[in-house]
Protein backbone atom coordinates (compact mmCIF):
# COMPACT_ATOMS: atom_id res chain seq x y z
CA MET A 1 62.92 175.62 97.17
CA LYS A 2 61.35 172.35 98.34
CA THR A 3 57.80 171.11 98.53
CA THR A 4 56.12 167.86 99.49
CA VAL A 5 53.45 166.04 97.52
CA ALA A 6 50.91 164.16 99.64
CA VAL A 7 49.04 161.21 98.12
CA ASP A 8 47.10 158.63 100.16
CA VAL A 9 45.75 155.40 98.69
CA SER A 10 43.91 152.58 100.48
CA VAL A 11 42.81 149.14 99.36
CA GLU A 12 41.20 146.21 101.15
CA VAL A 13 43.04 142.94 100.59
CA ALA A 14 41.29 139.62 101.17
CA ARG A 15 44.20 138.22 103.17
CA PRO A 16 45.13 138.44 106.86
CA ARG A 17 47.54 141.14 107.98
CA PRO A 18 50.56 138.82 108.51
CA GLU A 19 50.36 137.65 104.88
CA VAL A 20 50.12 141.21 103.54
CA TRP A 21 53.03 142.24 105.77
CA SER A 22 55.15 139.34 104.56
CA PHE A 23 54.46 140.10 100.91
CA LEU A 24 55.29 143.80 101.26
CA LEU A 25 58.30 143.75 103.54
CA LEU A 26 59.94 140.37 103.29
CA GLN A 27 59.99 140.18 99.49
CA PRO A 28 61.49 143.47 98.25
CA GLU A 29 62.39 141.90 94.91
CA ARG A 30 58.64 141.73 94.16
CA MET A 31 58.26 145.53 94.16
CA PRO A 32 58.41 145.74 90.32
CA ASP A 33 55.47 143.32 90.20
CA TYR A 34 53.17 146.00 91.62
CA LEU A 35 54.94 149.38 91.36
CA GLY A 36 54.48 150.44 87.75
CA GLU A 37 57.65 152.48 87.23
CA PHE A 38 59.96 150.04 89.04
CA GLU A 39 62.20 148.01 86.72
CA SER A 40 64.07 146.17 89.47
CA ALA A 41 64.47 146.04 93.25
CA ARG A 42 66.79 144.13 95.55
CA LEU A 43 67.80 144.16 99.18
CA GLU A 44 71.09 146.05 99.33
CA SER A 45 71.79 145.83 103.05
CA GLY A 46 70.23 144.79 106.33
CA ILE A 47 67.51 142.27 107.04
CA PRO A 48 64.18 142.55 105.18
CA GLY A 49 61.55 144.21 107.35
CA GLU A 50 63.98 145.65 109.92
CA VAL A 51 64.81 149.31 110.54
CA GLY A 52 67.91 150.29 108.61
CA SER A 53 67.45 147.79 105.79
CA VAL A 54 67.99 149.35 102.37
CA VAL A 55 66.34 148.37 99.07
CA ARG A 56 68.09 149.49 95.88
CA PHE A 57 65.75 150.02 92.92
CA THR A 58 65.77 151.15 89.30
CA VAL A 59 62.89 153.11 87.78
CA SER A 60 61.87 154.27 84.34
CA PRO A 61 61.97 156.53 82.53
CA GLY A 62 65.69 157.04 82.49
CA HIS A 63 66.80 153.81 84.20
CA ARG A 64 67.52 155.86 87.33
CA SER A 65 68.64 154.10 90.47
CA GLY A 66 67.66 155.01 94.01
CA ALA A 67 67.39 153.55 97.47
CA LEU A 68 64.74 153.25 100.16
CA GLU A 69 65.67 152.82 103.80
CA LEU A 70 63.22 151.53 106.38
CA VAL A 71 63.18 154.20 109.07
CA GLU A 72 60.27 152.98 111.22
CA VAL A 73 58.77 149.52 111.71
CA ASP A 74 55.88 148.38 113.90
CA PRO A 75 55.72 144.66 112.98
CA GLU A 76 52.62 143.66 111.02
CA ARG A 77 51.13 147.13 111.56
CA SER A 78 53.15 149.88 109.88
CA TYR A 79 56.44 150.96 108.38
CA ALA A 80 57.96 154.08 106.87
CA TRP A 81 60.70 154.64 104.33
CA ASP A 82 62.96 157.50 103.30
CA GLY A 83 65.61 157.87 100.65
CA PRO A 84 68.11 160.24 99.13
CA ARG A 85 67.09 162.64 96.38
CA MET A 86 66.88 161.26 92.85
CA ARG A 87 67.82 163.82 90.23
CA TRP A 88 65.55 164.20 87.22
CA MET A 89 65.06 166.96 84.63
CA GLY A 90 66.73 169.83 86.50
CA GLY A 91 65.31 168.91 89.86
CA ALA A 92 65.02 166.03 92.26
CA ALA A 93 62.51 163.97 94.20
CA ARG A 94 63.23 162.38 97.56
CA PRO A 95 61.16 159.20 98.06
CA ARG A 96 59.34 159.19 101.40
CA GLY A 97 56.24 157.52 102.70
CA SER A 98 54.62 154.93 104.90
CA VAL A 99 52.25 151.97 105.01
CA GLU A 100 49.65 151.14 107.64
CA LEU A 101 47.91 147.77 107.88
CA ALA A 102 44.69 147.28 109.84
CA ASP A 103 42.35 144.35 110.31
CA ALA A 104 39.25 144.86 108.17
CA GLY A 105 37.31 141.84 109.46
CA GLY A 106 36.67 138.49 107.84
CA GLY A 107 40.37 137.80 107.39
CA CYS A 108 40.85 140.95 105.31
CA THR A 109 43.40 143.74 105.70
CA LEU A 110 43.05 147.45 105.00
CA LEU A 111 46.32 148.62 103.43
CA SER A 112 46.87 152.39 103.54
CA TRP A 113 49.79 153.81 101.55
CA LYS A 114 50.96 157.35 102.26
CA PHE A 115 53.37 158.81 99.71
CA ARG A 116 55.20 162.02 100.65
CA PRO A 117 57.92 162.65 98.04
CA GLU A 118 59.87 165.84 98.60
CA LEU A 119 60.41 167.81 95.37
CA SER A 120 63.15 170.35 94.67
CA GLY A 121 64.38 172.38 91.71
CA THR A 122 62.25 172.28 88.58
CA GLN A 123 60.23 169.40 90.04
CA VAL A 124 58.55 171.95 92.32
CA LEU A 125 57.06 173.63 89.24
CA LEU A 126 55.66 170.29 88.11
CA ARG A 127 54.02 169.58 91.48
CA PRO A 128 50.36 169.67 90.28
CA TYR A 129 51.12 167.34 87.37
CA LEU A 130 53.27 165.02 89.52
CA LYS A 131 50.58 164.80 92.21
CA ARG A 132 47.93 163.78 89.64
CA TRP A 133 50.33 161.27 88.06
CA LEU A 134 51.34 159.81 91.45
CA ARG A 135 47.72 159.41 92.55
CA ARG A 136 46.69 157.67 89.29
CA GLN A 137 49.79 155.47 89.34
CA ARG A 138 49.43 154.45 92.98
CA LEU A 139 45.71 153.67 92.61
CA ALA A 140 46.60 151.29 89.76
CA ASP A 141 49.52 149.90 91.78
CA ALA A 142 47.27 149.28 94.80
CA GLN A 143 44.84 147.31 92.64
CA LYS A 144 47.70 145.26 91.16
CA LEU A 145 49.13 144.64 94.64
CA LYS A 146 45.72 143.51 95.91
CA GLU A 147 45.39 141.03 93.02
CA LEU A 148 48.90 139.66 93.53
CA ILE A 149 48.52 139.12 97.27
CA GLU A 150 45.06 137.59 96.92
CA ALA A 151 46.36 135.20 94.21
CA GLU A 152 49.15 133.93 96.51
CA ALA A 153 48.49 130.62 98.23
CA PRO A 154 47.96 131.10 101.97
CA ARG A 155 51.11 130.41 103.99
């Protein structure tokens, strides 16, 4: 049995869209700076920000490794990722999601994250808990991301 968890988080960043895009897609090694459970991230193959590029990451708990592949890219507007299932506690979660960037006026950008992990095995039974955890975690991550991007010197 499989099920998908849907969590959407938005934050307004006081930086123009090209700067937000650059931070998110062209610097994959910065992912642990704003994604709470990420221990490390590095470009494994491809060119940052291009369809087919793969980022290898490690998360806690369990020091598990996974990969995210960019499957759709509309430069400076949106992108989507997908990855293979990551096994955990008798089940698995397949990382999937997307980001949309929109001008919010005054040099600001509205960043909308859509997380759609696909759960299987025992993870399906934990769906309500995992959805609450993911929402809380991603709200905190969005705030941290906002602060990091806004603290960067304009390029």
